[in-house]
Protein backbone atom coordinates (compact mmCIF):
# COMPACT_ATOMS: atom_id res chain seq x y z
CA UNK A 1 -2.84 -32.32 25.68
CA UNK A 2 -0.22 -33.61 23.22
CA UNK A 3 -1.59 -32.00 20.06
CA UNK A 4 0.01 -28.68 19.14
CA UNK A 5 -2.28 -25.66 19.22
CA UNK A 6 -3.76 -24.35 15.98
CA UNK A 7 -1.40 -21.78 14.47
CA UNK A 8 -3.15 -20.67 11.28
CA UNK A 9 -6.74 -20.16 10.22
CA UNK A 10 -8.15 -23.09 8.27
CA UNK A 11 -10.20 -20.67 6.15
CA UNK A 12 -7.72 -17.97 5.13
CA UNK A 13 -4.29 -18.99 6.48
CA UNK A 14 -3.79 -15.96 8.76
CA UNK A 15 -2.01 -16.62 12.08
CA UNK A 16 -4.64 -17.07 14.81
CA UNK A 17 -4.65 -15.26 18.15
CA UNK A 18 -5.69 -17.11 21.31
CA UNK A 19 -8.30 -15.03 23.15
CA UNK A 20 -11.89 -15.14 24.37
CA UNK A 21 -14.19 -15.08 21.32
CA UNK A 22 -16.64 -12.18 20.99
CA UNK A 23 -19.65 -14.54 21.20
CA UNK A 24 -19.53 -14.83 25.00
CA UNK A 25 -17.50 -18.07 25.13
CA UNK A 26 -15.59 -18.43 28.41
CA UNK A 27 -12.63 -20.40 27.06
CA UNK A 28 -9.73 -19.02 25.04
CA UNK A 29 -9.87 -20.20 21.43
CA UNK A 30 -7.82 -19.68 18.30
CA UNK A 31 -9.52 -16.71 16.62
CA UNK A 32 -8.55 -15.44 13.19
CA UNK A 33 -8.00 -11.65 13.31
CA UNK A 34 -8.65 -11.49 9.55
CA UNK A 35 -11.89 -13.42 8.96
CA UNK A 36 -13.00 -13.83 12.62
CA UNK A 37 -13.29 -17.64 12.37
CA UNK A 38 -13.23 -19.27 15.81
CA UNK A 39 -11.28 -22.57 15.84
CA UNK A 40 -12.52 -25.14 18.34
CA UNK A 41 -10.14 -27.89 19.43
CA UNK A 42 -12.10 -30.99 20.41
CA UNK A 43 -11.11 -34.43 21.69
CA UNK A 44 -10.52 -37.27 19.24
CA UNK A 45 -12.79 -40.31 19.35
CA UNK A 46 -10.98 -43.62 19.66
CA UNK A 47 -13.18 -46.63 18.88
CA UNK A 48 -12.49 -50.29 19.36
CA UNK A 49 -13.57 -53.58 20.77
CA UNK A 50 -12.93 -55.84 23.71
CA UNK A 51 -12.72 -59.16 21.85
CA UNK A 52 -13.61 -62.05 24.12
CA UNK A 53 -13.10 -65.71 23.28
CA UNK A 54 -14.31 -67.95 26.10
CA UNK A 55 -12.66 -66.60 29.25
CA UNK A 56 -9.89 -64.82 27.34
CA UNK A 57 -9.47 -61.33 25.85
CA UNK A 58 -7.67 -60.81 22.53
CA UNK A 59 -4.69 -58.42 22.69
CA UNK A 60 -2.64 -57.13 19.74
CA UNK A 61 1.05 -56.24 19.72
CA UNK A 62 1.27 -53.08 17.60
CA UNK A 63 3.23 -53.13 14.32
CA UNK A 64 2.90 -49.37 13.70
CA UNK A 65 3.32 -46.10 15.58
CA UNK A 66 2.15 -44.81 17.90
CA UNK A 67 3.19 -47.29 20.57
CA UNK A 68 4.99 -49.75 18.24
CA UNK A 69 5.57 -53.09 20.01
CA UNK A 70 3.08 -52.40 22.84
CA UNK A 71 0.16 -54.70 23.65
CA UNK A 72 -3.30 -53.19 23.22
CA UNK A 73 -6.94 -53.89 22.53
CA UNK A 74 -7.85 -53.37 18.87
CA UNK A 75 -8.80 -49.70 18.57
CA UNK A 76 -8.05 -46.55 16.61
CA UNK A 77 -9.34 -43.17 15.55
CA UNK A 78 -12.92 -42.93 14.35
CA UNK A 79 -13.20 -41.73 10.74
CA UNK A 80 -15.65 -39.18 9.40
CA UNK A 81 -18.92 -40.66 8.09
CA UNK A 82 -18.82 -43.80 10.21
CA UNK A 83 -20.71 -44.79 13.35
CA UNK A 84 -18.98 -45.86 16.55
CA UNK A 85 -19.75 -49.53 15.84
CA UNK A 86 -18.61 -49.25 12.19
CA UNK A 87 -15.32 -47.69 13.31
CA UNK A 88 -14.85 -50.30 16.03
CA UNK A 89 -15.44 -53.08 13.51
CA UNK A 90 -13.01 -51.53 10.99
CA UNK A 91 -10.30 -51.09 13.60
CA UNK A 92 -10.75 -54.66 14.85
CA UNK A 93 -10.23 -56.02 11.34
CA UNK A 94 -7.23 -53.71 10.71
CA UNK A 95 -5.51 -54.43 14.01
CA UNK A 96 -6.52 -57.99 14.81
CA UNK A 97 -7.67 -59.49 11.51
CA UNK A 98 -10.46 -60.87 13.66
CA UNK A 99 -13.66 -62.43 12.48
CA UNK A 100 -16.18 -61.44 15.09
CA UNK A 101 -19.71 -60.80 16.16
CA UNK A 102 -20.21 -57.21 17.35
CA UNK A 103 -21.59 -57.06 20.86
CA UNK A 104 -23.24 -54.27 22.75
CA UNK A 105 -21.61 -50.99 23.71
CA UNK A 106 -19.36 -51.72 26.70
CA UNK A 107 -17.48 -48.67 27.95
CA UNK A 108 -16.61 -45.01 27.54
CA UNK A 109 -13.33 -43.70 28.95
CA UNK A 110 -12.33 -40.02 29.01
CA UNK A 111 -8.59 -39.32 28.75
CA UNK A 112 -8.30 -35.51 28.91
CA UNK A 113 -4.48 -35.43 29.16
CA UNK A 114 -4.22 -36.74 25.57
CA UNK A 115 -7.47 -35.24 24.28
CA UNK A 116 -9.26 -38.54 23.67
CA UNK A 117 -12.59 -40.19 24.37
CA UNK A 118 -12.37 -43.99 24.01
CA UNK A 119 -15.51 -45.99 23.17
CA UNK A 120 -15.42 -49.80 23.28
CA UNK A 121 -17.81 -52.53 22.17
CA UNK A 122 -17.81 -56.07 23.58
CA UNK A 123 -17.57 -58.88 21.02
CA UNK A 124 -16.96 -62.55 20.37
CA UNK A 125 -13.91 -63.30 18.20
CA UNK A 126 -11.69 -65.62 16.17
CA UNK A 127 -9.21 -64.92 13.35
CA UNK A 128 -5.56 -64.12 12.58
CA UNK A 129 -3.03 -61.28 12.94
CA UNK A 130 -4.13 -58.03 11.32
CA UNK A 131 -1.96 -55.78 9.17
CA UNK A 132 -1.34 -53.33 12.04
CA UNK A 133 -0.21 -55.99 14.54
CA UNK A 134 3.04 -57.91 14.92
CA UNK A 135 1.23 -60.59 16.86
CA UNK A 136 -2.00 -61.25 18.69
CA UNK A 137 -2.60 -63.33 21.74
CA UNK A 138 -5.50 -64.32 23.97
CA UNK A 139 -5.01 -63.49 27.65
CA UNK A 140 -7.01 -64.64 30.68
CA UNK A 141 -9.17 -61.94 32.23
């Protein structure tokens, strides 16, 4: 996974030690030797859409890091206090500036090597470039 391991306790700031927690867990975790807090490192949820217009899919050329200049579907990290569909809608507006009709849940992809779970909705679309894209383009499926 690309994220660095937790180094300090989020509760008290003490350097954590990676070991098996005392609760019977079978995976090494960052455990604070001072306050005994166990720090779990979980995958990030990436939410987005597969915007379809006729027989074409909308792709966005990224204007920001990560992956500046690369073509992608509109997607990004899910925020706290939002549902998968709310996050997918927000990311589609941010990345594609698209006006759309949210479709049904379409796919779930696990990407363990980067610690992500990607969730995509299908949708119908129209619109203009979003603030996080250099350009957008419809491509034949």
